Amino acid sequence: MRKLDDATQRRVFKAVDGLATEPRPAGCRKLEGGEGAYRIRIGDYRVIYTIDDSVLIVAIERVRHRREVYR
């Protein structure tokens, strides 16, 4: 996150903050073979996260550029 410019950081933080109220927002996708992982798109960046509904936790796994996130 520290490597991102200020505007992108604000957009990512806003999107991640929104996951607290709606962990499956419109446009999120469940990743295949990802053990319950989801992704949201924020411009050219992707946030990969998992949801544990039993204890109401959203765990952010990765925030990376789209060309690097799935490697």
Protein backbone atom coordinates (compact mmCIF):
# COMPACT_ATOMS: atom_id res chain seq x y z
CA MET A 1 0.00 0.00 0.00
CA ARG A 2 2.85 2.40 0.74
CA LYS A 3 3.98 2.20 -2.88
CA LEU A 4 0.67 3.45 -4.23
CA ASP A 5 0.08 7.11 -4.99
CA ASP A 6 -2.16 9.08 -2.61
CA ALA A 7 -5.25 9.07 -4.82
CA THR A 8 -5.08 5.30 -5.34
CA GLN A 9 -4.50 4.72 -1.63
CA ARG A 10 -7.63 6.70 -0.79
CA ARG A 11 -9.69 4.72 -3.33
CA VAL A 12 -8.40 1.40 -1.98
CA PHE A 13 -9.02 2.39 1.66
CA LYS A 14 -12.54 3.53 0.80
CA ALA A 15 -13.29 0.23 -0.96
CA VAL A 16 -11.80 -1.85 1.88
CA ASP A 17 -13.71 0.19 4.45
CA GLY A 18 -16.91 -0.56 2.52
CA LEU A 19 -16.26 -4.30 2.92
CA ALA A 20 -17.01 -3.90 6.64
CA THR A 21 -20.66 -3.17 5.89
CA GLU A 22 -21.05 -5.16 2.65
CA PRO A 23 -18.48 -7.97 2.27
CA ARG A 24 -19.92 -9.03 -1.09
CA PRO A 25 -20.49 -5.72 -2.94
CA ALA A 26 -21.78 -5.49 -6.48
CA GLY A 27 -18.98 -6.37 -8.85
CA CYS A 28 -17.08 -8.69 -6.51
CA ARG A 29 -16.11 -12.08 -7.88
CA LYS A 30 -15.43 -15.35 -6.11
CA LEU A 31 -12.09 -16.72 -7.26
CA GLU A 32 -11.90 -20.27 -8.52
CA GLY A 33 -9.59 -22.48 -6.48
CA GLY A 34 -9.05 -19.68 -4.02
CA GLU A 35 -10.41 -21.37 -0.88
CA GLY A 36 -13.30 -18.93 -0.64
CA ALA A 37 -11.33 -15.91 -1.82
CA TYR A 38 -13.05 -12.94 -3.43
CA ARG A 39 -11.77 -9.99 -5.42
CA ILE A 40 -12.87 -6.44 -5.99
CA ARG A 41 -11.53 -4.15 -8.68
CA ILE A 42 -10.33 -0.63 -8.00
CA GLY A 43 -9.11 0.75 -11.31
CA ASP A 44 -6.00 -1.21 -12.27
CA TYR A 45 -5.66 -2.64 -8.77
CA ARG A 46 -7.25 -5.71 -7.22
CA VAL A 47 -8.04 -6.49 -3.59
CA ILE A 48 -8.09 -10.21 -2.81
CA TYR A 49 -9.84 -11.10 0.44
CA THR A 50 -11.55 -13.91 2.31
CA ILE A 51 -14.74 -13.82 4.36
CA ASP A 52 -15.38 -15.79 7.56
CA ASP A 53 -19.12 -15.44 8.09
CA SER A 54 -19.11 -17.43 11.34
CA VAL A 55 -17.14 -14.71 13.17
CA LEU A 56 -17.84 -11.80 10.79
CA ILE A 57 -14.25 -11.24 9.64
CA VAL A 58 -13.06 -9.96 6.27
CA ALA A 59 -9.33 -10.68 5.86
CA ILE A 60 -7.46 -8.75 3.17
CA GLU A 61 -4.92 -11.05 1.52
CA ARG A 62 -3.39 -8.88 -1.22
CA VAL A 63 -3.63 -5.47 -2.84
CA ARG A 64 -1.70 -5.43 -6.09
CA HIS A 65 -1.74 -4.26 -9.67
CA ARG A 66 -3.87 -6.45 -11.91
CA ARG A 67 -0.87 -7.86 -13.78
CA GLU A 68 0.74 -9.10 -10.53
CA VAL A 69 -2.11 -10.09 -8.25
CA TYR A 70 -2.87 -13.58 -9.59
CA ARG A 71 0.73 -14.85 -9.68
